[in-house]
C-alpha cells in the first residue's frame, strides 16, 4: 500500500469567498455529494480571528463499500484555505487541502487529496481510481456552486 496523491484544479466564475464558504459548509454535503448519506458535526471552535474548526463524521457508501470516517476541518477565511485531516476511519492517512485563489475569470480552485487505506482490499479497490474520485468530488462542488450562484460570472 502507498500514499495516493492527486491534485485537481478548476477555474470557476464565482467569488473566492463564496466558494470558500460553500466548501466549508460540511453540514450541507449530504445534499449534493451522492455517496455521503449522513454528516454529523461537533467541536465547533474559532481558535483565532478568521479561523474556525469543526470535527465532522461522514457516513459514505459506494459500490459495495459502506464506511464511516471523521475529520477535523480547519477553515482559514483570510488565506481562503480549508484543510481536512483524519480523526478516525478506514484510512491510514487522509488529508485534503482546498485553496481558493482569485483569477480574472473568478476563482482558481486547487484541491489536493492525499490518502491511504488501512485495508489492502479497500486500497486495491479504490486507489486505482484516485484521480477519478478527486474529479468526481470536484464535479459535485462545481454543481453545487452553479445551483447556489447561477451562471453569472464573479469577475468584474
N, C-alpha and C. Protein backbone atom coordinates (compact mmCIF):
# COMPACT_ATOMS: atom_id res chain seq x y z
N UNK A 1 0.85 -1.18 0.00
CA UNK A 1 0.00 0.00 0.00
C UNK A 1 0.89 1.23 0.00
N UNK A 2 0.37 2.28 -0.61
CA UNK A 2 1.15 3.51 -0.71
C UNK A 2 0.23 4.71 -0.57
N UNK A 3 0.84 5.83 -0.30
CA UNK A 3 0.10 7.08 -0.23
C UNK A 3 -0.28 7.51 -1.64
N UNK A 4 -1.56 7.83 -1.84
CA UNK A 4 -2.06 8.26 -3.14
C UNK A 4 -2.29 9.76 -3.08
N UNK A 5 -1.67 10.49 -4.03
CA UNK A 5 -1.78 11.94 -4.05
C UNK A 5 -2.34 12.38 -5.40
N UNK A 6 -3.32 13.27 -5.32
CA UNK A 6 -3.95 13.79 -6.53
C UNK A 6 -4.24 15.27 -6.33
N UNK A 7 -4.08 16.06 -7.38
CA UNK A 7 -4.49 17.47 -7.36
C UNK A 7 -5.42 17.72 -8.54
N UNK A 8 -6.54 18.37 -8.23
CA UNK A 8 -7.49 18.79 -9.26
C UNK A 8 -7.55 20.31 -9.20
N UNK A 9 -7.49 20.94 -10.36
CA UNK A 9 -7.56 22.40 -10.45
C UNK A 9 -8.68 22.79 -11.40
N UNK A 10 -9.46 23.76 -10.99
CA UNK A 10 -10.54 24.27 -11.83
C UNK A 10 -10.60 25.79 -11.67
N UNK A 11 -11.08 26.47 -12.70
CA UNK A 11 -11.39 27.89 -12.61
C UNK A 11 -12.90 28.01 -12.75
N UNK A 12 -13.53 28.60 -11.74
CA UNK A 12 -14.99 28.76 -11.74
C UNK A 12 -15.34 30.24 -11.68
N UNK A 13 -16.46 30.63 -12.30
CA UNK A 13 -16.82 32.05 -12.41
C UNK A 13 -17.55 32.59 -11.18
N UNK A 14 -17.00 32.32 -10.00
CA UNK A 14 -17.62 32.77 -8.76
C UNK A 14 -16.56 33.39 -7.87
N UNK A 15 -17.00 34.18 -6.89
CA UNK A 15 -16.08 34.84 -5.97
C UNK A 15 -15.39 33.82 -5.06
N UNK A 16 -14.09 34.01 -4.79
CA UNK A 16 -13.36 33.08 -3.92
C UNK A 16 -14.04 32.91 -2.55
N UNK A 17 -14.53 34.01 -1.98
CA UNK A 17 -15.16 33.94 -0.66
C UNK A 17 -16.43 33.08 -0.68
N UNK A 18 -17.20 33.18 -1.76
CA UNK A 18 -18.42 32.36 -1.87
C UNK A 18 -18.07 30.88 -1.95
N UNK A 19 -17.08 30.54 -2.76
CA UNK A 19 -16.67 29.13 -2.90
C UNK A 19 -16.06 28.61 -1.60
N UNK A 20 -15.30 29.44 -0.92
CA UNK A 20 -14.73 29.07 0.38
C UNK A 20 -15.85 28.73 1.36
N UNK A 21 -16.87 29.59 1.46
CA UNK A 21 -17.99 29.33 2.37
C UNK A 21 -18.75 28.06 1.97
N UNK A 22 -18.94 27.86 0.68
CA UNK A 22 -19.68 26.69 0.21
C UNK A 22 -18.95 25.40 0.58
N UNK A 23 -17.65 25.33 0.30
CA UNK A 23 -16.89 24.12 0.62
C UNK A 23 -16.76 23.95 2.13
N UNK A 24 -16.69 25.04 2.86
CA UNK A 24 -16.57 24.97 4.31
C UNK A 24 -17.84 24.56 5.03
N UNK A 25 -18.97 24.56 4.34
CA UNK A 25 -20.26 24.19 4.93
C UNK A 25 -20.44 22.67 4.88
N UNK A 26 -19.68 21.96 5.70
CA UNK A 26 -19.68 20.49 5.63
C UNK A 26 -21.03 19.87 5.98
N UNK A 27 -21.84 20.57 6.79
CA UNK A 27 -23.16 20.03 7.14
C UNK A 27 -24.04 19.84 5.90
N UNK A 28 -23.78 20.60 4.84
CA UNK A 28 -24.61 20.53 3.63
C UNK A 28 -24.18 19.42 2.68
N UNK A 29 -23.05 18.78 2.90
CA UNK A 29 -22.53 17.80 1.95
C UNK A 29 -23.53 16.71 1.54
N UNK A 30 -24.32 16.15 2.47
CA UNK A 30 -25.27 15.11 2.03
C UNK A 30 -26.29 15.60 1.00
N UNK A 31 -26.48 16.91 0.90
CA UNK A 31 -27.42 17.48 -0.07
C UNK A 31 -26.92 17.39 -1.50
N UNK A 32 -25.59 17.32 -1.70
CA UNK A 32 -25.08 17.38 -3.07
C UNK A 32 -23.92 16.43 -3.38
N UNK A 33 -23.44 15.70 -2.39
CA UNK A 33 -22.42 14.67 -2.63
C UNK A 33 -23.12 13.32 -2.50
N UNK A 34 -23.40 12.65 -3.63
CA UNK A 34 -24.29 11.50 -3.61
C UNK A 34 -23.86 10.33 -2.73
N UNK A 35 -22.57 10.14 -2.52
CA UNK A 35 -22.14 8.99 -1.73
C UNK A 35 -22.06 9.30 -0.23
N UNK A 36 -22.33 10.55 0.18
CA UNK A 36 -22.40 10.86 1.61
C UNK A 36 -23.86 10.77 2.03
N UNK A 37 -24.17 9.78 2.86
CA UNK A 37 -25.56 9.58 3.28
C UNK A 37 -25.90 10.34 4.55
N UNK A 38 -24.90 10.69 5.36
CA UNK A 38 -25.14 11.44 6.59
C UNK A 38 -23.87 12.16 7.03
N UNK A 39 -24.07 13.26 7.74
CA UNK A 39 -22.95 14.05 8.25
C UNK A 39 -23.31 14.52 9.66
N UNK A 40 -22.38 14.37 10.57
CA UNK A 40 -22.56 14.84 11.94
C UNK A 40 -21.35 15.72 12.28
N UNK A 41 -21.61 16.89 12.86
CA UNK A 41 -20.50 17.79 13.22
C UNK A 41 -20.55 18.10 14.71
N UNK A 42 -19.37 18.37 15.28
CA UNK A 42 -19.26 18.72 16.68
C UNK A 42 -17.93 19.45 16.89
N UNK A 43 -17.69 19.93 18.10
CA UNK A 43 -16.44 20.62 18.45
C UNK A 43 -16.19 21.86 17.60
N UNK A 44 -17.23 22.61 17.29
CA UNK A 44 -17.03 23.84 16.52
C UNK A 44 -16.27 24.83 17.39
N UNK A 45 -15.25 25.46 16.79
CA UNK A 45 -14.42 26.41 17.55
C UNK A 45 -13.87 27.48 16.61
N UNK A 46 -13.48 28.61 17.21
CA UNK A 46 -12.80 29.68 16.49
C UNK A 46 -11.53 30.00 17.27
N UNK A 47 -10.44 29.26 17.00
CA UNK A 47 -9.21 29.44 17.78
C UNK A 47 -8.50 30.77 17.53
N UNK A 48 -8.81 31.43 16.42
CA UNK A 48 -8.21 32.73 16.10
C UNK A 48 -9.15 33.46 15.15
N UNK A 49 -8.93 34.77 15.02
CA UNK A 49 -9.77 35.55 14.13
C UNK A 49 -9.67 35.03 12.70
N UNK A 50 -10.81 34.74 12.10
CA UNK A 50 -10.84 34.26 10.72
C UNK A 50 -10.58 32.78 10.56
N UNK A 51 -10.31 32.09 11.67
CA UNK A 51 -10.04 30.65 11.61
C UNK A 51 -11.10 29.92 12.42
N UNK A 52 -11.71 28.92 11.80
CA UNK A 52 -12.68 28.09 12.51
C UNK A 52 -12.35 26.62 12.27
N UNK A 53 -12.71 25.81 13.24
CA UNK A 53 -12.52 24.37 13.11
C UNK A 53 -13.82 23.67 13.47
N UNK A 54 -13.98 22.49 12.92
CA UNK A 54 -15.12 21.64 13.24
C UNK A 54 -14.71 20.20 12.99
N UNK A 55 -15.20 19.30 13.82
CA UNK A 55 -15.00 17.88 13.57
C UNK A 55 -16.24 17.37 12.86
N UNK A 56 -16.04 16.52 11.87
CA UNK A 56 -17.15 16.06 11.04
C UNK A 56 -17.04 14.57 10.78
N UNK A 57 -18.13 13.86 11.01
CA UNK A 57 -18.19 12.43 10.74
C UNK A 57 -19.13 12.20 9.57
N UNK A 58 -18.61 11.54 8.54
CA UNK A 58 -19.40 11.27 7.33
C UNK A 58 -19.68 9.78 7.22
N UNK A 59 -20.91 9.45 6.87
CA UNK A 59 -21.27 8.08 6.50
C UNK A 59 -21.28 8.04 4.98
N UNK A 60 -20.46 7.16 4.40
CA UNK A 60 -20.33 7.12 2.94
C UNK A 60 -20.62 5.71 2.43
N UNK A 61 -21.04 5.67 1.18
CA UNK A 61 -21.27 4.38 0.54
C UNK A 61 -21.14 4.51 -0.96
N UNK A 62 -20.41 3.58 -1.54
CA UNK A 62 -20.33 3.48 -3.00
C UNK A 62 -20.02 2.03 -3.32
N UNK A 63 -20.58 1.56 -4.41
CA UNK A 63 -20.46 0.15 -4.78
C UNK A 63 -20.84 -0.70 -3.57
N UNK A 64 -19.95 -1.60 -3.15
CA UNK A 64 -20.24 -2.47 -2.02
C UNK A 64 -19.65 -1.95 -0.72
N UNK A 65 -19.02 -0.78 -0.76
CA UNK A 65 -18.33 -0.24 0.41
C UNK A 65 -19.25 0.69 1.20
N UNK A 66 -19.35 0.45 2.50
CA UNK A 66 -20.08 1.32 3.43
C UNK A 66 -19.13 1.59 4.59
N UNK A 67 -18.82 2.85 4.84
CA UNK A 67 -17.87 3.21 5.88
C UNK A 67 -18.29 4.50 6.58
N UNK A 68 -17.73 4.72 7.74
CA UNK A 68 -17.87 5.97 8.47
C UNK A 68 -16.46 6.44 8.79
N UNK A 69 -16.23 7.74 8.60
CA UNK A 69 -14.93 8.29 8.98
C UNK A 69 -15.13 9.71 9.48
N UNK A 70 -14.18 10.17 10.27
CA UNK A 70 -14.28 11.52 10.82
C UNK A 70 -13.01 12.31 10.53
N UNK A 71 -13.21 13.61 10.34
CA UNK A 71 -12.11 14.51 10.03
C UNK A 71 -12.21 15.76 10.88
N UNK A 72 -11.10 16.46 11.00
CA UNK A 72 -11.10 17.81 11.56
C UNK A 72 -10.93 18.76 10.39
N UNK A 73 -11.86 19.70 10.28
CA UNK A 73 -11.88 20.67 9.19
C UNK A 73 -11.43 22.02 9.74
N UNK A 74 -10.38 22.58 9.14
CA UNK A 74 -9.85 23.88 9.55
C UNK A 74 -10.04 24.87 8.41
N UNK A 75 -10.86 25.89 8.67
CA UNK A 75 -11.17 26.90 7.65
C UNK A 75 -10.47 28.20 8.00
N UNK A 76 -9.67 28.71 7.07
CA UNK A 76 -8.93 29.95 7.26
C UNK A 76 -9.47 30.98 6.27
N UNK A 77 -10.34 31.87 6.76
CA UNK A 77 -11.02 32.83 5.89
C UNK A 77 -10.06 33.86 5.30
N UNK A 78 -8.98 34.18 5.99
CA UNK A 78 -8.02 35.16 5.46
C UNK A 78 -7.21 34.56 4.33
N UNK A 79 -6.72 33.34 4.50
CA UNK A 79 -5.92 32.67 3.48
C UNK A 79 -6.79 31.99 2.42
N UNK A 80 -8.09 31.91 2.68
CA UNK A 80 -9.02 31.20 1.79
C UNK A 80 -8.55 29.77 1.53
N UNK A 81 -8.28 29.06 2.65
CA UNK A 81 -7.89 27.66 2.56
C UNK A 81 -8.76 26.84 3.52
N UNK A 82 -8.97 25.59 3.16
CA UNK A 82 -9.65 24.64 4.02
C UNK A 82 -8.80 23.39 4.06
N UNK A 83 -8.36 23.02 5.28
CA UNK A 83 -7.55 21.82 5.47
C UNK A 83 -8.39 20.78 6.19
N UNK A 84 -8.30 19.54 5.73
CA UNK A 84 -9.06 18.45 6.31
C UNK A 84 -8.08 17.34 6.68
N UNK A 85 -8.12 16.94 7.95
CA UNK A 85 -7.25 15.87 8.43
C UNK A 85 -8.04 14.78 9.12
N UNK A 86 -7.54 13.59 9.08
CA UNK A 86 -8.21 12.41 9.61
C UNK A 86 -8.25 12.38 11.14
N UNK A 87 -9.42 12.05 11.69
CA UNK A 87 -9.56 11.73 13.11
C UNK A 87 -9.63 10.22 13.29
N UNK A 88 -10.53 9.56 12.54
CA UNK A 88 -10.63 8.10 12.57
C UNK A 88 -11.38 7.60 11.36
N UNK A 89 -11.25 6.32 11.09
CA UNK A 89 -11.95 5.71 9.98
C UNK A 89 -11.09 4.68 9.28
N UNK A 90 -11.49 4.31 8.06
CA UNK A 90 -10.81 3.23 7.34
C UNK A 90 -9.48 3.64 6.70
N UNK A 91 -9.09 4.89 6.90
CA UNK A 91 -7.85 5.38 6.31
C UNK A 91 -6.68 5.24 7.26
N UNK A 92 -5.53 4.98 6.69
CA UNK A 92 -4.28 5.07 7.43
C UNK A 92 -3.84 6.53 7.44
N UNK A 93 -4.14 7.22 6.34
CA UNK A 93 -3.81 8.64 6.16
C UNK A 93 -4.88 9.27 5.28
N UNK A 94 -5.33 10.46 5.65
CA UNK A 94 -6.25 11.23 4.81
C UNK A 94 -5.98 12.70 5.05
N UNK A 95 -5.76 13.42 3.97
CA UNK A 95 -5.56 14.87 4.04
C UNK A 95 -6.13 15.48 2.77
N UNK A 96 -6.95 16.51 2.94
CA UNK A 96 -7.45 17.30 1.82
C UNK A 96 -7.03 18.74 2.06
N UNK A 97 -6.74 19.45 1.00
CA UNK A 97 -6.46 20.87 1.09
C UNK A 97 -7.15 21.56 -0.07
N UNK A 98 -7.98 22.53 0.25
CA UNK A 98 -8.65 23.36 -0.74
C UNK A 98 -8.03 24.75 -0.69
N UNK A 99 -7.69 25.30 -1.85
CA UNK A 99 -7.20 26.68 -1.96
C UNK A 99 -8.09 27.41 -2.96
N UNK A 100 -8.48 28.63 -2.61
CA UNK A 100 -9.36 29.44 -3.45
C UNK A 100 -8.60 30.71 -3.81
N UNK A 101 -8.13 30.78 -5.06
CA UNK A 101 -7.25 31.85 -5.49
C UNK A 101 -7.97 32.76 -6.48
N UNK A 102 -7.91 34.09 -6.26
CA UNK A 102 -8.53 35.00 -7.22
C UNK A 102 -7.97 34.77 -8.62
N UNK A 103 -8.85 34.84 -9.61
CA UNK A 103 -8.49 34.62 -11.00
C UNK A 103 -9.30 35.61 -11.84
N UNK A 104 -8.77 36.08 -12.97
CA UNK A 104 -9.55 37.03 -13.80
C UNK A 104 -10.94 36.48 -14.17
N UNK A 105 -11.07 35.17 -14.26
CA UNK A 105 -12.36 34.56 -14.62
C UNK A 105 -13.21 34.22 -13.39
N UNK A 106 -12.73 34.52 -12.18
CA UNK A 106 -13.49 34.21 -10.97
C UNK A 106 -12.57 33.68 -9.89
N UNK A 107 -12.47 32.36 -9.78
CA UNK A 107 -11.64 31.72 -8.76
C UNK A 107 -10.96 30.49 -9.31
N UNK A 108 -9.67 30.38 -9.03
CA UNK A 108 -8.94 29.14 -9.32
C UNK A 108 -9.00 28.31 -8.04
N UNK A 109 -9.59 27.12 -8.15
CA UNK A 109 -9.66 26.20 -7.01
C UNK A 109 -8.59 25.13 -7.21
N UNK A 110 -7.80 24.91 -6.17
CA UNK A 110 -6.86 23.78 -6.14
C UNK A 110 -7.33 22.84 -5.03
N UNK A 111 -7.54 21.59 -5.38
CA UNK A 111 -7.99 20.58 -4.43
C UNK A 111 -6.97 19.46 -4.41
N UNK A 112 -6.28 19.30 -3.27
CA UNK A 112 -5.32 18.22 -3.09
C UNK A 112 -5.96 17.14 -2.25
N UNK A 113 -5.83 15.91 -2.69
CA UNK A 113 -6.35 14.75 -1.98
C UNK A 113 -5.22 13.76 -1.80
N UNK A 114 -4.87 13.48 -0.55
CA UNK A 114 -3.83 12.51 -0.22
C UNK A 114 -4.47 11.48 0.70
N UNK A 115 -4.34 10.20 0.37
CA UNK A 115 -4.93 9.19 1.24
C UNK A 115 -4.24 7.85 1.10
N UNK A 116 -4.44 7.03 2.11
CA UNK A 116 -4.02 5.64 2.11
C UNK A 116 -4.98 4.90 3.03
N UNK A 117 -5.51 3.78 2.55
CA UNK A 117 -6.42 2.98 3.36
C UNK A 117 -5.65 2.02 4.25
N UNK A 118 -6.24 1.67 5.39
CA UNK A 118 -5.66 0.65 6.28
C UNK A 118 -5.78 -0.74 5.65
N UNK A 119 -6.91 -0.99 5.02
CA UNK A 119 -7.21 -2.30 4.44
C UNK A 119 -6.59 -2.43 3.05
N UNK A 120 -5.89 -3.53 2.83
CA UNK A 120 -5.32 -3.79 1.49
C UNK A 120 -6.42 -3.91 0.45
N UNK A 121 -7.55 -4.51 0.84
CA UNK A 121 -8.66 -4.67 -0.09
C UNK A 121 -9.23 -3.32 -0.51
N UNK A 122 -9.52 -2.44 0.47
CA UNK A 122 -10.02 -1.11 0.13
C UNK A 122 -9.00 -0.34 -0.69
N UNK A 123 -7.74 -0.45 -0.31
CA UNK A 123 -6.69 0.26 -1.04
C UNK A 123 -6.65 -0.22 -2.50
N UNK A 124 -6.74 -1.52 -2.70
CA UNK A 124 -6.71 -2.07 -4.05
C UNK A 124 -7.94 -1.64 -4.85
N UNK A 125 -9.12 -1.66 -4.19
CA UNK A 125 -10.36 -1.30 -4.89
C UNK A 125 -10.41 0.17 -5.28
N UNK A 126 -9.97 1.03 -4.38
CA UNK A 126 -10.22 2.46 -4.58
C UNK A 126 -9.01 3.28 -5.01
N UNK A 127 -7.81 2.84 -4.73
CA UNK A 127 -6.65 3.66 -5.05
C UNK A 127 -6.41 3.79 -6.55
N UNK A 128 -6.77 2.77 -7.31
CA UNK A 128 -6.58 2.83 -8.75
C UNK A 128 -7.44 3.93 -9.37
N UNK A 129 -8.48 4.33 -8.64
CA UNK A 129 -9.40 5.34 -9.14
C UNK A 129 -9.27 6.66 -8.39
N UNK A 130 -8.10 6.95 -7.82
CA UNK A 130 -7.97 8.16 -7.01
C UNK A 130 -8.18 9.43 -7.82
N UNK A 131 -7.68 9.47 -9.05
CA UNK A 131 -7.89 10.66 -9.88
C UNK A 131 -9.37 10.82 -10.22
N UNK A 132 -10.01 9.71 -10.54
CA UNK A 132 -11.45 9.73 -10.84
C UNK A 132 -12.22 10.22 -9.61
N UNK A 133 -11.86 9.73 -8.43
CA UNK A 133 -12.55 10.13 -7.20
C UNK A 133 -12.39 11.63 -6.97
N UNK A 134 -11.19 12.16 -7.13
CA UNK A 134 -10.96 13.60 -6.94
C UNK A 134 -11.75 14.41 -7.96
N UNK A 135 -11.78 13.95 -9.20
CA UNK A 135 -12.58 14.64 -10.24
C UNK A 135 -14.07 14.62 -9.90
N UNK A 136 -14.55 13.48 -9.39
CA UNK A 136 -15.97 13.37 -9.00
C UNK A 136 -16.30 14.30 -7.84
N UNK A 137 -15.40 14.38 -6.86
CA UNK A 137 -15.60 15.30 -5.73
C UNK A 137 -15.70 16.72 -6.26
N UNK A 138 -14.76 17.11 -7.11
CA UNK A 138 -14.77 18.47 -7.65
C UNK A 138 -16.05 18.73 -8.45
N UNK A 139 -16.49 17.75 -9.22
CA UNK A 139 -17.73 17.91 -10.01
C UNK A 139 -18.93 18.16 -9.11
N UNK A 140 -18.98 17.50 -7.96
CA UNK A 140 -20.07 17.74 -7.01
C UNK A 140 -20.08 19.19 -6.55
N UNK A 141 -18.91 19.72 -6.25
CA UNK A 141 -18.82 21.10 -5.79
C UNK A 141 -19.08 22.10 -6.92
N UNK A 142 -18.67 21.77 -8.13
CA UNK A 142 -18.99 22.63 -9.27
C UNK A 142 -20.50 22.71 -9.45
N UNK A 143 -21.16 21.58 -9.37
CA UNK A 143 -22.63 21.55 -9.49
C UNK A 143 -23.30 22.34 -8.39
N UNK A 144 -22.80 22.21 -7.17
CA UNK A 144 -23.35 22.95 -6.04
C UNK A 144 -23.19 24.45 -6.24
N UNK A 145 -22.02 24.88 -6.72
CA UNK A 145 -21.78 26.31 -6.96
C UNK A 145 -22.75 26.84 -8.00
N UNK A 146 -22.96 26.09 -9.06
CA UNK A 146 -23.89 26.54 -10.11
C UNK A 146 -25.31 26.64 -9.55
N UNK A 147 -25.70 25.66 -8.71
CA UNK A 147 -27.04 25.69 -8.12
C UNK A 147 -27.21 26.88 -7.17
N UNK A 148 -26.16 27.20 -6.41
CA UNK A 148 -26.25 28.29 -5.44
C UNK A 148 -26.08 29.66 -6.09
N UNK A 149 -25.15 29.78 -7.03
CA UNK A 149 -24.77 31.10 -7.53
C UNK A 149 -25.14 31.36 -8.98
N UNK A 150 -25.71 30.36 -9.66
CA UNK A 150 -26.12 30.54 -11.05
C UNK A 150 -24.95 30.59 -12.00
N UNK A 151 -25.22 31.01 -13.21
CA UNK A 151 -24.18 31.02 -14.25
C UNK A 151 -23.50 32.38 -14.37
N UNK A 152 -23.93 33.36 -13.56
CA UNK A 152 -23.31 34.70 -13.63
C UNK A 152 -21.85 34.64 -13.21
N UNK A 153 -21.03 35.46 -13.83
CA UNK A 153 -19.60 35.44 -13.50
C UNK A 153 -19.31 36.36 -12.33
N UNK A 154 -18.22 36.08 -11.65
CA UNK A 154 -17.80 36.87 -10.49
C UNK A 154 -16.82 37.96 -10.89
N UNK A 155 -16.21 37.84 -12.07
CA UNK A 155 -15.22 38.83 -12.49
C UNK A 155 -15.93 40.15 -12.82
N UNK A 156 -15.37 41.24 -12.33
CA UNK A 156 -15.97 42.49 -12.70
C UNK A 156 -15.92 43.53 -11.69
